[in-house]
Structures are given as C-alpha cells and as structure tokens.
Amino acid sequence: MDAGRPNDDDPEFEPSGDPEALDDTERDALRQDLLDVEVLKEVLGPKGIKGAVFYCPDCDEDHFLAWDLLAGNLKELLEAGESPIHEPAFDPDPDEYVSWDYARGFLDGYESYAAEEVGELSSKLADELTSRDWRVDEVKSLLARLGLDSPGSEDNAGGRGS
C-alpha cells in the first residue's frame, strides 16, 4: 500500500518529519495515491463507501479512514514527511469501508472499462460516419478533434479510401 508511510514494510524505516526524506519515486507514488483517493471518492462515495480501511501494526487494529481524512493524511505526508498521529474511528460501520487493495483494484477495473467503452464508441461512430459516405480521413480528423482514438485499421472505419 502506498498510502501512509512510504516504507511501512521496511522495519528499519523511521519517519524523519522531513519532507526531503521522501525520494522522488515515493513522492510520485503519494501524488498518484492522492489522485486515486479523489477518483475513488467520486466513484465509490455515491455507492455508500465512505473510505478505506487499513490495518495498523502499531495499534494492532484496523483504522477506518474517510476519503477526505485519507487525502489529508497523504497531503500531510507529502508536506511534512510523515503521517499525522492517528486515532481509531469512533464506531465505524465496516460495511461502509473497503480495503485499499480492493479500492485500487476497483479503480483499475473502472479505468479499464471506461477506456474500453470509449474505444467501442469510437469504433461505432467511425462505422456510422463511413456508412454515411464520410471519407476515412474525415472520420479520423473528427475523432482526433474530439480527442478520440481512431479505430485500429481503415477496415474498422468502413474500408472506404480517403
């Protein structure tokens, strides 16, 4: 897990409180986690998922972090070089939280699905336009202006020449 201290699995890691102690790779991973938390909040929040649960070896118990608290902890880690002192949540409903691994897996699937849907839509649009006698170069130009990838081959766009 990238959230929390960057080297939780390293028994020799001691947080220094110095943001310079984080290397570029760790800072990039934390920034990505922060972006992921924002997307997860937008996607899972409306489904009743309030945040993520993490096992804390220091306390020997689970910590339930709402999306905003998790984002705040990641920001603090980026700015100060260590996570703030943590307190367990007061009577959380475990059904309203998911593990970080589950959240990341969900996000990977969500992003892959969205990319597949856009690709399928681009292909259908190209097919429809070429069936209306648009030239392949016109279809590709329109798709490019819309920020969509062209179908894999000209055959996908109806096979009409430019």
N, C-alpha and C. Protein backbone atom coordinates (compact mmCIF):
# COMPACT_ATOMS: atom_id res chain seq x y z
N MET A 1 0.84 -1.17 0.00
CA MET A 1 0.00 0.00 0.00
C MET A 1 0.88 1.22 0.00
N ASP A 2 0.56 2.20 -0.83
CA ASP A 2 1.34 3.42 -0.89
C ASP A 2 0.86 4.45 0.12
N ALA A 3 -0.43 4.39 0.50
CA ALA A 3 -0.95 5.37 1.44
C ALA A 3 -0.30 5.13 2.79
N GLY A 4 -0.17 6.16 3.58
CA GLY A 4 0.51 6.05 4.86
C GLY A 4 1.99 6.27 4.64
N ARG A 5 2.81 5.72 5.54
CA ARG A 5 4.25 5.87 5.37
C ARG A 5 4.70 5.13 4.13
N PRO A 6 5.65 5.68 3.38
CA PRO A 6 6.03 5.08 2.11
C PRO A 6 6.70 3.72 2.24
N ASN A 7 7.31 3.40 3.39
CA ASN A 7 8.02 2.14 3.54
C ASN A 7 7.52 1.37 4.75
N ASP A 8 6.22 1.23 4.92
CA ASP A 8 5.66 0.55 6.07
C ASP A 8 6.20 -0.86 6.24
N ASP A 9 6.53 -1.55 5.15
CA ASP A 9 7.01 -2.92 5.24
C ASP A 9 8.48 -3.00 5.65
N ASP A 10 9.19 -1.90 5.65
CA ASP A 10 10.60 -1.87 6.00
C ASP A 10 10.73 -1.63 7.49
N PRO A 11 11.16 -2.64 8.28
CA PRO A 11 11.23 -2.47 9.74
C PRO A 11 12.27 -1.44 10.15
N GLU A 12 13.20 -1.08 9.27
CA GLU A 12 14.23 -0.10 9.60
C GLU A 12 13.80 1.32 9.28
N PHE A 13 12.63 1.50 8.65
CA PHE A 13 12.17 2.83 8.26
C PHE A 13 11.73 3.61 9.49
N GLU A 14 12.28 4.79 9.66
CA GLU A 14 11.88 5.69 10.74
C GLU A 14 11.47 7.01 10.09
N PRO A 15 10.22 7.47 10.29
CA PRO A 15 9.83 8.74 9.71
C PRO A 15 10.66 9.86 10.30
N SER A 16 11.13 10.75 9.46
CA SER A 16 12.01 11.81 9.92
C SER A 16 11.28 13.11 10.18
N GLY A 17 10.06 13.23 9.68
CA GLY A 17 9.37 14.51 9.79
C GLY A 17 9.91 15.50 8.77
N ASP A 18 10.80 15.07 7.93
CA ASP A 18 11.43 15.93 6.94
C ASP A 18 10.91 15.54 5.56
N PRO A 19 10.15 16.47 4.87
CA PRO A 19 9.63 16.11 3.55
C PRO A 19 10.72 15.79 2.55
N GLU A 20 11.94 16.26 2.79
CA GLU A 20 13.05 15.97 1.90
C GLU A 20 13.48 14.51 2.03
N ALA A 21 13.05 13.81 3.12
CA ALA A 21 13.42 12.41 3.31
C ALA A 21 12.73 11.50 2.30
N LEU A 22 11.67 11.99 1.67
CA LEU A 22 10.98 11.21 0.65
C LEU A 22 11.71 11.37 -0.68
N ASP A 23 11.98 10.26 -1.34
CA ASP A 23 12.62 10.38 -2.65
C ASP A 23 11.56 10.66 -3.71
N ASP A 24 12.00 10.95 -4.92
CA ASP A 24 11.08 11.32 -6.00
C ASP A 24 10.07 10.22 -6.30
N THR A 25 10.51 8.98 -6.24
CA THR A 25 9.61 7.85 -6.52
C THR A 25 8.51 7.79 -5.47
N GLU A 26 8.87 7.96 -4.20
CA GLU A 26 7.88 7.94 -3.12
C GLU A 26 6.91 9.12 -3.25
N ARG A 27 7.43 10.29 -3.58
CA ARG A 27 6.57 11.47 -3.73
C ARG A 27 5.60 11.28 -4.90
N ASP A 28 6.11 10.72 -6.02
CA ASP A 28 5.24 10.45 -7.17
C ASP A 28 4.15 9.45 -6.80
N ALA A 29 4.51 8.41 -6.05
CA ALA A 29 3.53 7.40 -5.63
C ALA A 29 2.47 8.03 -4.73
N LEU A 30 2.89 8.91 -3.83
CA LEU A 30 1.94 9.57 -2.94
C LEU A 30 1.01 10.51 -3.71
N ARG A 31 1.57 11.22 -4.68
CA ARG A 31 0.73 12.10 -5.51
C ARG A 31 -0.31 11.28 -6.29
N GLN A 32 0.11 10.11 -6.81
CA GLN A 32 -0.82 9.24 -7.52
C GLN A 32 -1.89 8.72 -6.56
N ASP A 33 -1.48 8.34 -5.35
CA ASP A 33 -2.46 7.89 -4.36
C ASP A 33 -3.47 8.99 -4.07
N LEU A 34 -3.01 10.22 -3.98
CA LEU A 34 -3.89 11.35 -3.71
C LEU A 34 -4.90 11.52 -4.84
N LEU A 35 -4.45 11.41 -6.08
CA LEU A 35 -5.37 11.46 -7.22
C LEU A 35 -6.36 10.30 -7.18
N ASP A 36 -5.85 9.12 -6.85
CA ASP A 36 -6.70 7.93 -6.77
C ASP A 36 -7.78 8.11 -5.71
N VAL A 37 -7.42 8.67 -4.57
CA VAL A 37 -8.40 8.87 -3.50
C VAL A 37 -9.52 9.80 -3.97
N GLU A 38 -9.18 10.84 -4.70
CA GLU A 38 -10.21 11.76 -5.20
C GLU A 38 -11.16 11.05 -6.16
N VAL A 39 -10.62 10.23 -7.06
CA VAL A 39 -11.47 9.49 -8.00
C VAL A 39 -12.31 8.47 -7.26
N LEU A 40 -11.70 7.77 -6.31
CA LEU A 40 -12.44 6.77 -5.53
C LEU A 40 -13.59 7.42 -4.76
N LYS A 41 -13.34 8.59 -4.21
CA LYS A 41 -14.40 9.31 -3.50
C LYS A 41 -15.56 9.62 -4.44
N GLU A 42 -15.24 10.07 -5.65
CA GLU A 42 -16.28 10.39 -6.64
C GLU A 42 -17.04 9.16 -7.11
N VAL A 43 -16.34 8.04 -7.27
CA VAL A 43 -16.95 6.84 -7.83
C VAL A 43 -17.61 5.97 -6.76
N LEU A 44 -16.93 5.77 -5.64
CA LEU A 44 -17.46 4.89 -4.60
C LEU A 44 -18.33 5.61 -3.57
N GLY A 45 -18.08 6.89 -3.37
CA GLY A 45 -18.87 7.65 -2.40
C GLY A 45 -20.37 7.55 -2.64
N PRO A 46 -20.83 7.77 -3.88
CA PRO A 46 -22.27 7.66 -4.14
C PRO A 46 -22.83 6.25 -3.94
N LYS A 47 -21.95 5.26 -3.87
CA LYS A 47 -22.38 3.88 -3.64
C LYS A 47 -22.40 3.55 -2.15
N GLY A 48 -22.17 4.55 -1.30
CA GLY A 48 -22.21 4.34 0.15
C GLY A 48 -20.89 3.95 0.77
N ILE A 49 -19.81 3.96 0.00
CA ILE A 49 -18.49 3.63 0.54
C ILE A 49 -17.85 4.93 1.02
N LYS A 50 -17.61 5.01 2.33
CA LYS A 50 -17.11 6.25 2.94
C LYS A 50 -15.61 6.41 2.91
N GLY A 51 -14.88 5.28 2.72
CA GLY A 51 -13.43 5.38 2.73
C GLY A 51 -12.79 4.02 2.69
N ALA A 52 -11.54 3.97 3.16
CA ALA A 52 -10.76 2.74 3.12
C ALA A 52 -10.36 2.33 4.53
N VAL A 53 -10.16 1.05 4.70
CA VAL A 53 -9.71 0.51 5.98
C VAL A 53 -8.28 0.01 5.82
N PHE A 54 -7.45 0.29 6.83
CA PHE A 54 -6.05 -0.11 6.83
C PHE A 54 -5.73 -0.77 8.15
N TYR A 55 -4.97 -1.85 8.09
CA TYR A 55 -4.51 -2.48 9.32
C TYR A 55 -3.31 -1.70 9.83
N CYS A 56 -3.32 -1.36 11.11
CA CYS A 56 -2.22 -0.61 11.72
C CYS A 56 -1.43 -1.55 12.63
N PRO A 57 -0.20 -1.89 12.25
CA PRO A 57 0.60 -2.78 13.10
C PRO A 57 0.98 -2.14 14.44
N ASP A 58 1.07 -0.80 14.48
CA ASP A 58 1.40 -0.13 15.74
C ASP A 58 0.30 -0.32 16.78
N CYS A 59 -0.96 -0.24 16.32
CA CYS A 59 -2.11 -0.36 17.22
C CYS A 59 -2.66 -1.78 17.25
N ASP A 60 -2.27 -2.59 16.29
CA ASP A 60 -2.79 -3.94 16.12
C ASP A 60 -4.31 -3.92 15.91
N GLU A 61 -4.78 -2.95 15.13
CA GLU A 61 -6.20 -2.88 14.80
C GLU A 61 -6.39 -2.16 13.47
N ASP A 62 -7.59 -2.28 12.95
CA ASP A 62 -7.93 -1.61 11.69
C ASP A 62 -8.25 -0.14 11.95
N HIS A 63 -7.86 0.69 10.98
CA HIS A 63 -8.21 2.11 11.01
C HIS A 63 -9.10 2.39 9.81
N PHE A 64 -10.20 3.03 10.06
CA PHE A 64 -11.18 3.37 9.03
C PHE A 64 -11.00 4.84 8.70
N LEU A 65 -10.55 5.12 7.47
CA LEU A 65 -10.27 6.50 7.07
C LEU A 65 -11.25 6.91 5.98
N ALA A 66 -12.02 7.95 6.27
CA ALA A 66 -12.90 8.52 5.25
C ALA A 66 -12.03 9.10 4.14
N TRP A 67 -12.61 9.22 2.95
CA TRP A 67 -11.83 9.68 1.80
C TRP A 67 -11.13 11.01 2.10
N ASP A 68 -11.83 11.98 2.70
CA ASP A 68 -11.22 13.29 2.97
C ASP A 68 -10.08 13.18 3.99
N LEU A 69 -10.26 12.34 5.01
CA LEU A 69 -9.20 12.15 6.01
C LEU A 69 -7.99 11.47 5.36
N LEU A 70 -8.23 10.49 4.52
CA LEU A 70 -7.14 9.81 3.82
C LEU A 70 -6.39 10.79 2.93
N ALA A 71 -7.12 11.63 2.20
CA ALA A 71 -6.48 12.64 1.36
C ALA A 71 -5.66 13.61 2.21
N GLY A 72 -6.22 14.01 3.34
CA GLY A 72 -5.49 14.91 4.25
C GLY A 72 -4.21 14.28 4.76
N ASN A 73 -4.27 12.99 5.11
CA ASN A 73 -3.07 12.29 5.58
C ASN A 73 -2.01 12.21 4.48
N LEU A 74 -2.44 11.96 3.26
CA LEU A 74 -1.48 11.90 2.15
C LEU A 74 -0.85 13.27 1.91
N LYS A 75 -1.65 14.33 1.98
CA LYS A 75 -1.11 15.69 1.82
C LYS A 75 -0.11 16.00 2.92
N GLU A 76 -0.45 15.63 4.15
CA GLU A 76 0.45 15.86 5.29
C GLU A 76 1.75 15.10 5.09
N LEU A 77 1.65 13.89 4.62
CA LEU A 77 2.85 13.09 4.37
C LEU A 77 3.72 13.74 3.31
N LEU A 78 3.10 14.27 2.26
CA LEU A 78 3.87 14.95 1.21
C LEU A 78 4.53 16.23 1.74
N GLU A 79 3.81 16.98 2.58
CA GLU A 79 4.31 18.27 3.06
C GLU A 79 5.29 18.13 4.22
N ALA A 80 5.00 17.22 5.15
CA ALA A 80 5.81 17.14 6.37
C ALA A 80 6.73 15.94 6.41
N GLY A 81 6.53 14.98 5.52
CA GLY A 81 7.39 13.81 5.50
C GLY A 81 6.94 12.68 6.40
N GLU A 82 5.83 12.87 7.13
CA GLU A 82 5.28 11.80 7.95
C GLU A 82 3.79 12.00 8.12
N SER A 83 3.11 10.89 8.42
CA SER A 83 1.66 10.97 8.63
C SER A 83 1.38 11.55 10.00
N PRO A 84 0.24 12.23 10.14
CA PRO A 84 -0.12 12.75 11.46
C PRO A 84 -0.44 11.59 12.40
N ILE A 85 -0.42 11.88 13.70
CA ILE A 85 -0.82 10.87 14.70
C ILE A 85 -2.25 10.47 14.40
N HIS A 86 -2.52 9.20 14.53
CA HIS A 86 -3.84 8.72 14.15
C HIS A 86 -4.62 8.21 15.36
N GLU A 87 -5.89 8.36 15.26
CA GLU A 87 -6.83 7.85 16.26
C GLU A 87 -7.79 6.93 15.55
N PRO A 88 -8.20 5.84 16.20
CA PRO A 88 -9.20 4.98 15.55
C PRO A 88 -10.53 5.72 15.40
N ALA A 89 -11.25 5.38 14.36
CA ALA A 89 -12.56 5.99 14.13
C ALA A 89 -13.52 5.58 15.23
N PHE A 90 -14.46 6.45 15.53
CA PHE A 90 -15.46 6.15 16.55
C PHE A 90 -16.58 5.32 15.94
N ASP A 91 -16.67 4.09 16.34
CA ASP A 91 -17.76 3.19 15.96
C ASP A 91 -18.08 3.19 14.46
N PRO A 92 -17.07 2.93 13.61
CA PRO A 92 -17.34 2.91 12.16
C PRO A 92 -18.14 1.68 11.78
N ASP A 93 -18.88 1.78 10.71
CA ASP A 93 -19.57 0.63 10.14
C ASP A 93 -18.64 0.01 9.10
N PRO A 94 -18.06 -1.14 9.37
CA PRO A 94 -17.10 -1.75 8.44
C PRO A 94 -17.67 -1.97 7.04
N ASP A 95 -18.98 -2.09 6.92
CA ASP A 95 -19.59 -2.28 5.60
C ASP A 95 -19.50 -1.03 4.73
N GLU A 96 -19.15 0.10 5.33
CA GLU A 96 -19.05 1.36 4.59
C GLU A 96 -17.62 1.67 4.16
N TYR A 97 -16.70 0.72 4.38
CA TYR A 97 -15.29 0.91 4.05
C TYR A 97 -14.80 -0.30 3.27
N VAL A 98 -13.82 -0.06 2.41
CA VAL A 98 -13.19 -1.15 1.65
C VAL A 98 -11.69 -1.11 1.91
N SER A 99 -11.05 -2.24 1.70
CA SER A 99 -9.59 -2.26 1.86
C SER A 99 -8.95 -1.42 0.75
N TRP A 100 -7.75 -0.95 0.99
CA TRP A 100 -7.03 -0.17 -0.01
C TRP A 100 -6.78 -1.02 -1.25
N ASP A 101 -6.45 -2.30 -1.04
CA ASP A 101 -6.22 -3.19 -2.19
C ASP A 101 -7.48 -3.32 -3.03
N TYR A 102 -8.63 -3.47 -2.38
CA TYR A 102 -9.90 -3.56 -3.11
C TYR A 102 -10.14 -2.25 -3.87
N ALA A 103 -9.93 -1.12 -3.21
CA ALA A 103 -10.18 0.18 -3.84
C ALA A 103 -9.30 0.36 -5.07
N ARG A 104 -8.02 0.01 -4.96
CA ARG A 104 -7.11 0.15 -6.10
C ARG A 104 -7.51 -0.79 -7.23
N GLY A 105 -7.89 -2.02 -6.89
CA GLY A 105 -8.34 -2.97 -7.90
C GLY A 105 -9.60 -2.49 -8.59
N PHE A 106 -10.52 -1.94 -7.80
CA PHE A 106 -11.75 -1.39 -8.36
C PHE A 106 -11.42 -0.26 -9.33
N LEU A 107 -10.52 0.61 -8.92
CA LEU A 107 -10.13 1.75 -9.76
C LEU A 107 -9.48 1.28 -11.06
N ASP A 108 -8.62 0.27 -10.99
CA ASP A 108 -8.00 -0.27 -12.20
C ASP A 108 -9.07 -0.80 -13.15
N GLY A 109 -10.02 -1.56 -12.61
CA GLY A 109 -11.10 -2.10 -13.44
C GLY A 109 -11.99 -1.01 -14.00
N TYR A 110 -12.28 -0.02 -13.20
CA TYR A 110 -13.12 1.10 -13.61
C TYR A 110 -12.48 1.86 -14.76
N GLU A 111 -11.19 2.15 -14.63
CA GLU A 111 -10.48 2.88 -15.68
C GLU A 111 -10.37 2.05 -16.95
N SER A 112 -10.12 0.75 -16.82
CA SER A 112 -10.03 -0.12 -18.00
C SER A 112 -11.37 -0.20 -18.71
N TYR A 113 -12.44 -0.34 -17.94
CA TYR A 113 -13.78 -0.42 -18.51
C TYR A 113 -14.10 0.87 -19.26
N ALA A 114 -13.79 2.01 -18.65
CA ALA A 114 -14.07 3.29 -19.29
C ALA A 114 -13.31 3.40 -20.61
N ALA A 115 -12.04 2.99 -20.62
CA ALA A 115 -11.25 3.05 -21.85
C ALA A 115 -11.83 2.14 -22.92
N GLU A 116 -12.27 0.94 -22.52
CA GLU A 116 -12.88 0.02 -23.48
C GLU A 116 -14.17 0.60 -24.04
N GLU A 117 -14.97 1.22 -23.20
CA GLU A 117 -16.24 1.80 -23.65
C GLU A 117 -15.99 2.93 -24.65
N VAL A 118 -15.00 3.78 -24.38
CA VAL A 118 -14.68 4.88 -25.29
C VAL A 118 -14.18 4.32 -26.62
N GLY A 119 -13.34 3.28 -26.56
CA GLY A 119 -12.85 2.66 -27.79
C GLY A 119 -13.97 2.08 -28.62
N GLU A 120 -14.91 1.42 -27.96
CA GLU A 120 -16.05 0.83 -28.66
C GLU A 120 -16.93 1.94 -29.26
N LEU A 121 -17.12 3.01 -28.52
CA LEU A 121 -17.91 4.15 -29.02
C LEU A 121 -17.23 4.77 -30.24
N SER A 122 -15.91 4.94 -30.18
CA SER A 122 -15.18 5.49 -31.33
C SER A 122 -15.36 4.63 -32.56
N SER A 123 -15.28 3.32 -32.37
CA SER A 123 -15.44 2.40 -33.49
C SER A 123 -16.85 2.48 -34.08
N LYS A 124 -17.85 2.52 -33.22
CA LYS A 124 -19.24 2.62 -33.70
C LYS A 124 -19.48 3.93 -34.44
N LEU A 125 -18.92 5.02 -33.89
CA LEU A 125 -19.06 6.32 -34.54
C LEU A 125 -18.40 6.30 -35.92
N ALA A 126 -17.19 5.74 -36.00
CA ALA A 126 -16.48 5.66 -37.28
C ALA A 126 -17.28 4.84 -38.28
N ASP A 127 -17.83 3.71 -37.83
CA ASP A 127 -18.64 2.88 -38.72
C ASP A 127 -19.87 3.63 -39.23
N GLU A 128 -20.53 4.34 -38.32
CA GLU A 128 -21.74 5.08 -38.71
C GLU A 128 -21.42 6.20 -39.70
N LEU A 129 -20.34 6.92 -39.45
CA LEU A 129 -19.98 8.02 -40.35
C LEU A 129 -19.57 7.50 -41.73
N THR A 130 -18.81 6.41 -41.76
CA THR A 130 -18.42 5.88 -43.06
C THR A 130 -19.62 5.30 -43.80
N SER A 131 -20.60 4.78 -43.08
CA SER A 131 -21.81 4.29 -43.75
C SER A 131 -22.61 5.45 -44.35
N ARG A 132 -22.31 6.66 -43.89
CA ARG A 132 -22.95 7.86 -44.44
C ARG A 132 -22.03 8.55 -45.44
N ASP A 133 -21.11 7.78 -45.98
CA ASP A 133 -20.19 8.21 -47.03
C ASP A 133 -19.16 9.25 -46.60
N TRP A 134 -18.81 9.29 -45.32
CA TRP A 134 -17.68 10.11 -44.91
C TRP A 134 -16.42 9.38 -45.34
N ARG A 135 -15.41 10.13 -45.76
CA ARG A 135 -14.12 9.54 -46.11
C ARG A 135 -13.37 9.21 -44.82
N VAL A 136 -12.46 8.24 -44.92
CA VAL A 136 -11.69 7.80 -43.76
C VAL A 136 -10.92 8.97 -43.14
N ASP A 137 -10.30 9.82 -43.97
CA ASP A 137 -9.55 10.95 -43.43
C ASP A 137 -10.46 11.92 -42.70
N GLU A 138 -11.70 12.09 -43.15
CA GLU A 138 -12.66 12.96 -42.46
C GLU A 138 -13.04 12.37 -41.10
N VAL A 139 -13.27 11.07 -41.08
CA VAL A 139 -13.62 10.38 -39.82
C VAL A 139 -12.48 10.51 -38.83
N LYS A 140 -11.25 10.23 -39.29
CA LYS A 140 -10.09 10.33 -38.40
C LYS A 140 -9.90 11.75 -37.89
N SER A 141 -10.11 12.72 -38.75
CA SER A 141 -9.96 14.12 -38.35
C SER A 141 -10.98 14.49 -37.28
N LEU A 142 -12.23 14.07 -37.47
CA LEU A 142 -13.27 14.36 -36.48
C LEU A 142 -12.95 13.68 -35.15
N LEU A 143 -12.58 12.42 -35.19
CA LEU A 143 -12.25 11.70 -33.96
C LEU A 143 -11.08 12.37 -33.24
N ALA A 144 -10.08 12.80 -34.00
CA ALA A 144 -8.93 13.48 -33.40
C ALA A 144 -9.36 14.79 -32.73
N ARG A 145 -10.22 15.56 -33.39
CA ARG A 145 -10.70 16.82 -32.80
C ARG A 145 -11.49 16.58 -31.52
N LEU A 146 -12.15 15.42 -31.44
CA LEU A 146 -12.92 15.07 -30.24
C LEU A 146 -12.04 14.42 -29.17
N GLY A 147 -10.76 14.20 -29.49
CA GLY A 147 -9.86 13.57 -28.54
C GLY A 147 -10.04 12.07 -28.44
N LEU A 148 -10.61 11.47 -29.48
CA LEU A 148 -10.85 10.02 -29.50
C LEU A 148 -9.84 9.36 -30.42
N ASP A 149 -9.46 8.14 -30.08
CA ASP A 149 -8.56 7.37 -30.93
C ASP A 149 -9.33 6.87 -32.14
N SER A 150 -8.64 6.82 -33.26
CA SER A 150 -9.23 6.23 -34.46
C SER A 150 -9.27 4.73 -34.29
N PRO A 151 -10.23 4.07 -34.91
CA PRO A 151 -10.24 2.60 -34.87
C PRO A 151 -8.92 2.05 -35.41
N GLY A 152 -8.59 0.83 -35.01
CA GLY A 152 -7.29 0.21 -35.30
C GLY A 152 -6.87 0.19 -36.75
N SER A 153 -7.83 0.01 -37.67
CA SER A 153 -7.44 -0.04 -39.08
C SER A 153 -8.53 0.64 -39.90
N GLU A 154 -8.20 0.91 -41.16
CA GLU A 154 -9.19 1.54 -42.02
C GLU A 154 -10.38 0.62 -42.25
N ASP A 155 -10.16 -0.70 -42.11
CA ASP A 155 -11.28 -1.63 -42.27
C ASP A 155 -12.32 -1.39 -41.19
N ASN A 156 -11.88 -0.95 -39.99
CA ASN A 156 -12.83 -0.65 -38.92
C ASN A 156 -13.65 0.58 -39.24
N ALA A 157 -13.14 1.41 -40.10
CA ALA A 157 -13.85 2.64 -40.45
C ALA A 157 -14.60 2.46 -41.77
N GLY A 158 -14.93 1.25 -42.07
CA GLY A 158 -15.75 1.01 -43.26
C GLY A 158 -14.95 0.69 -44.50
N GLY A 159 -13.61 0.84 -44.44
CA GLY A 159 -12.77 0.45 -45.56
C GLY A 159 -12.83 1.39 -46.75
N ARG A 160 -13.46 2.53 -46.63
CA ARG A 160 -13.50 3.47 -47.75
C ARG A 160 -12.19 4.22 -47.80
N GLY A 161 -11.72 4.48 -48.96
CA GLY A 161 -10.46 5.20 -49.13
C GLY A 161 -10.62 6.66 -48.81
N SER A 162 -9.48 7.36 -48.64
CA SER A 162 -9.54 8.79 -48.34
C SER A 162 -9.56 9.65 -49.56
